[in-house]
């Protein structure tokens, strides 16, 4: 029973952190950085 409460709490905190990051527009920054890193790895960027 206690294990499931901890799991639920961690899930809720994770969802809250994702929502805050998305509200601040950080998702676009992460996508831009990942695309830049990918292009550098294959030698285009």
PDB file of N, CA and C in Angstrom:
ATOM      1  N   UNK A   1       0.819  -1.184   0.000  1.00  0.00           N
ATOM      2  CA  UNK A   1       0.000   0.000   0.000  1.00  0.00           C
ATOM      3  C   UNK A   1       0.872   1.260   0.000  1.00  0.00           C
ATOM      4  N   UNK A   2       1.914   1.297   0.832  1.00  0.00           N
ATOM      5  CA  UNK A   2       2.772   2.464   0.899  1.00  0.00           C
ATOM      6  C   UNK A   2       3.534   2.657  -0.410  1.00  0.00           C
ATOM      7  N   UNK A   3       3.915   1.564  -1.033  1.00  0.00           N
ATOM      8  CA  UNK A   3       4.647   1.652  -2.295  1.00  0.00           C
ATOM      9  C   UNK A   3       3.810   2.351  -3.360  1.00  0.00           C
ATOM     10  N   UNK A   4       2.543   2.054  -3.423  1.00  0.00           N
ATOM     11  CA  UNK A   4       1.698   2.661  -4.437  1.00  0.00           C
ATOM     12  C   UNK A   4       1.478   4.146  -4.165  1.00  0.00           C
ATOM     13  N   UNK A   5       1.479   4.563  -2.911  1.00  0.00           N
ATOM     14  CA  UNK A   5       1.344   5.987  -2.585  1.00  0.00           C
ATOM     15  C   UNK A   5       2.576   6.764  -3.037  1.00  0.00           C
ATOM     16  N   UNK A   6       3.741   6.196  -2.801  1.00  0.00           N
ATOM     17  CA  UNK A   6       4.984   6.841  -3.224  1.00  0.00           C
ATOM     18  C   UNK A   6       5.023   6.938  -4.746  1.00  0.00           C
ATOM     19  N   UNK A   7       4.627   5.877  -5.405  1.00  0.00           N
ATOM     20  CA  UNK A   7       4.607   5.868  -6.860  1.00  0.00           C
ATOM     21  C   UNK A   7       3.642   6.915  -7.395  1.00  0.00           C
ATOM     22  N   UNK A   8       2.484   7.011  -6.810  1.00  0.00           N
ATOM     23  CA  UNK A   8       1.490   7.998  -7.232  1.00  0.00           C
ATOM     24  C   UNK A   8       2.002   9.414  -6.991  1.00  0.00           C
ATOM     25  N   UNK A   9       2.644   9.647  -5.869  1.00  0.00           N
ATOM     26  CA  UNK A   9       3.191  10.965  -5.568  1.00  0.00           C
ATOM     27  C   UNK A   9       4.261  11.356  -6.586  1.00  0.00           C
ATOM     28  N   UNK A  10       5.156  10.431  -6.902  1.00  0.00           N
ATOM     29  CA  UNK A  10       6.197  10.716  -7.890  1.00  0.00           C
ATOM     30  C   UNK A  10       5.604  10.977  -9.273  1.00  0.00           C
ATOM     31  N   UNK A  11       4.571  10.244  -9.618  1.00  0.00           N
ATOM     32  CA  UNK A  11       3.906  10.453 -10.896  1.00  0.00           C
ATOM     33  C   UNK A  11       3.272  11.841 -10.959  1.00  0.00           C
ATOM     34  N   UNK A  12       2.597  12.244  -9.902  1.00  0.00           N
ATOM     35  CA  UNK A  12       1.964  13.557  -9.869  1.00  0.00           C
ATOM     36  C   UNK A  12       2.994  14.688  -9.930  1.00  0.00           C
ATOM     37  N   UNK A  13       4.100  14.541  -9.211  1.00  0.00           N
ATOM     38  CA  UNK A  13       5.157  15.547  -9.239  1.00  0.00           C
ATOM     39  C   UNK A  13       5.768  15.632 -10.644  1.00  0.00           C
ATOM     40  N   UNK A  14       5.957  14.494 -11.283  1.00  0.00           N
ATOM     41  CA  UNK A  14       6.514  14.472 -12.637  1.00  0.00           C
ATOM     42  C   UNK A  14       5.602  15.172 -13.627  1.00  0.00           C
ATOM     43  N   UNK A  15       4.319  14.888 -13.540  1.00  0.00           N
ATOM     44  CA  UNK A  15       3.351  15.526 -14.440  1.00  0.00           C
ATOM     45  C   UNK A  15       3.314  17.028 -14.189  1.00  0.00           C
ATOM     46  N   UNK A  16       3.389  17.434 -12.939  1.00  0.00           N
ATOM     47  CA  UNK A  16       3.402  18.857 -12.606  1.00  0.00           C
ATOM     48  C   UNK A  16       4.634  19.537 -13.191  1.00  0.00           C
ATOM     49  N   UNK A  17       5.790  18.905 -13.071  1.00  0.00           N
ATOM     50  CA  UNK A  17       7.021  19.470 -13.630  1.00  0.00           C
ATOM     51  C   UNK A  17       6.939  19.577 -15.148  1.00  0.00           C
ATOM     52  N   UNK A  18       6.392  18.571 -15.796  1.00  0.00           N
ATOM     53  CA  UNK A  18       6.215  18.632 -17.245  1.00  0.00           C
ATOM     54  C   UNK A  18       5.279  19.765 -17.649  1.00  0.00           C
ATOM     55  N   UNK A  19       4.211  19.941 -16.911  1.00  0.00           N
ATOM     56  CA  UNK A  19       3.251  20.998 -17.220  1.00  0.00           C
ATOM     57  C   UNK A  19       3.870  22.380 -17.038  1.00  0.00           C
ATOM     58  N   UNK A  20       4.633  22.570 -15.979  1.00  0.00           N
ATOM     59  CA  UNK A  20       5.289  23.857 -15.741  1.00  0.00           C
ATOM     60  C   UNK A  20       6.298  24.150 -16.847  1.00  0.00           C
ATOM     61  N   UNK A  21       7.074  23.168 -17.222  1.00  0.00           N
ATOM     62  CA  UNK A  21       8.049  23.353 -18.295  1.00  0.00           C
ATOM     63  C   UNK A  21       7.381  23.673 -19.618  1.00  0.00           C
ATOM     64  N   UNK A  22       6.300  22.999 -19.928  1.00  0.00           N
ATOM     65  CA  UNK A  22       5.578  23.265 -21.175  1.00  0.00           C
ATOM     66  C   UNK A  22       4.957  24.664 -21.151  1.00  0.00           C
ATOM     67  N   UNK A  23       4.456  25.083 -20.002  1.00  0.00           N
ATOM     68  CA  UNK A  23       3.849  26.411 -19.887  1.00  0.00           C
ATOM     69  C   UNK A  23       4.889  27.512 -20.068  1.00  0.00           C
ATOM     70  N   UNK A  24       6.120  27.236 -19.732  1.00  0.00           N
ATOM     71  CA  UNK A  24       7.192  28.221 -19.872  1.00  0.00           C
ATOM     72  C   UNK A  24       7.826  28.200 -21.260  1.00  0.00           C
ATOM     73  N   UNK A  25       7.370  27.315 -22.127  1.00  0.00           N
ATOM     74  CA  UNK A  25       7.901  27.259 -23.480  1.00  0.00           C
ATOM     75  C   UNK A  25       9.221  26.517 -23.591  1.00  0.00           C
ATOM     76  N   UNK A  26       9.542  25.703 -22.631  1.00  0.00           N
ATOM     77  CA  UNK A  26      10.814  25.002 -22.650  1.00  0.00           C
ATOM     78  C   UNK A  26      10.832  23.826 -23.618  1.00  0.00           C
ATOM     79  N   UNK A  27       9.670  23.356 -24.014  1.00  0.00           N
ATOM     80  CA  UNK A  27       9.628  22.229 -24.948  1.00  0.00           C
ATOM     81  C   UNK A  27      10.248  22.624 -26.286  1.00  0.00           C
ATOM     82  N   UNK A  28       9.983  23.823 -26.748  1.00  0.00           N
ATOM     83  CA  UNK A  28      10.552  24.285 -28.014  1.00  0.00           C
ATOM     84  C   UNK A  28      12.062  24.397 -27.930  1.00  0.00           C
ATOM     85  N   UNK A  29      12.570  24.833 -26.789  1.00  0.00           N
ATOM     86  CA  UNK A  29      14.021  24.934 -26.609  1.00  0.00           C
ATOM     87  C   UNK A  29      14.673  23.559 -26.635  1.00  0.00           C
ATOM     88  N   UNK A  30      14.048  22.598 -26.003  1.00  0.00           N
ATOM     89  CA  UNK A  30      14.602  21.242 -25.963  1.00  0.00           C
ATOM     90  C   UNK A  30      14.633  20.642 -27.367  1.00  0.00           C
ATOM     91  N   UNK A  31      13.568  20.830 -28.124  1.00  0.00           N
ATOM     92  CA  UNK A  31      13.527  20.305 -29.494  1.00  0.00           C
ATOM     93  C   UNK A  31      14.585  20.972 -30.358  1.00  0.00           C
ATOM     94  N   UNK A  32      14.739  22.286 -30.230  1.00  0.00           N
ATOM     95  CA  UNK A  32      15.750  23.002 -31.016  1.00  0.00           C
ATOM     96  C   UNK A  32      17.160  22.522 -30.678  1.00  0.00           C
ATOM     97  N   UNK A  33      17.438  22.348 -29.394  1.00  0.00           N
ATOM     98  CA  UNK A  33      18.768  21.883 -28.987  1.00  0.00           C
ATOM     99  C   UNK A  33      19.031  20.454 -29.464  1.00  0.00           C
ATOM    100  N   UNK A  34      18.021  19.604 -29.372  1.00  0.00           N
ATOM    101  CA  UNK A  34      18.226  18.220 -29.802  1.00  0.00           C
ATOM    102  C   UNK A  34      18.435  18.139 -31.305  1.00  0.00           C
ATOM    103  N   UNK A  35      17.729  18.962 -32.055  1.00  0.00           N
ATOM    104  CA  UNK A  35      17.924  18.969 -33.521  1.00  0.00           C
ATOM    105  C   UNK A  35      19.327  19.456 -33.857  1.00  0.00           C
ATOM    106  N   UNK A  36      19.797  20.476 -33.152  1.00  0.00           N
ATOM    107  CA  UNK A  36      21.140  21.002 -33.401  1.00  0.00           C
ATOM    108  C   UNK A  36      22.196  19.944 -33.084  1.00  0.00           C
ATOM    109  N   UNK A  37      22.039  19.258 -31.979  1.00  0.00           N
ATOM    110  CA  UNK A  37      23.003  18.212 -31.608  1.00  0.00           C
ATOM    111  C   UNK A  37      22.989  17.085 -32.635  1.00  0.00           C
ATOM    112  N   UNK A  38      21.796  16.707 -33.093  1.00  0.00           N
ATOM    113  CA  UNK A  38      21.682  15.640 -34.077  1.00  0.00           C
ATOM    114  C   UNK A  38      22.385  16.028 -35.374  1.00  0.00           C
ATOM    115  N   UNK A  39      22.166  17.259 -35.821  1.00  0.00           N
ATOM    116  CA  UNK A  39      22.800  17.710 -37.064  1.00  0.00           C
ATOM    117  C   UNK A  39      24.316  17.787 -36.918  1.00  0.00           C
ATOM    118  N   UNK A  40      24.803  18.171 -35.743  1.00  0.00           N
ATOM    119  CA  UNK A  40      26.245  18.199 -35.521  1.00  0.00           C
ATOM    120  C   UNK A  40      26.837  16.804 -35.539  1.00  0.00           C
ATOM    121  N   UNK A  41      26.092  15.829 -35.011  1.00  0.00           N
ATOM    122  CA  UNK A  41      26.612  14.465 -34.968  1.00  0.00           C
ATOM    123  C   UNK A  41      26.775  13.864 -36.355  1.00  0.00           C
ATOM    124  N   UNK A  42      25.863  14.191 -37.269  1.00  0.00           N
ATOM    125  CA  UNK A  42      25.964  13.613 -38.605  1.00  0.00           C
ATOM    126  C   UNK A  42      26.770  14.507 -39.547  1.00  0.00           C
ATOM    127  N   UNK A  43      27.271  15.642 -39.024  1.00  0.00           N
ATOM    128  CA  UNK A  43      28.191  16.471 -39.780  1.00  0.00           C
ATOM    129  C   UNK A  43      27.557  17.507 -40.678  1.00  0.00           C
ATOM    130  N   UNK A  44      26.305  17.789 -40.525  1.00  0.00           N
ATOM    131  CA  UNK A  44      25.652  18.797 -41.375  1.00  0.00           C
ATOM    132  C   UNK A  44      25.735  20.177 -40.729  1.00  0.00           C
ATOM    133  N   UNK A  45      25.513  20.242 -39.434  1.00  0.00           N
ATOM    134  CA  UNK A  45      25.404  21.541 -38.764  1.00  0.00           C
ATOM    135  C   UNK A  45      26.649  22.093 -38.257  1.00  0.00           C
TER     136      UNK A  45
END
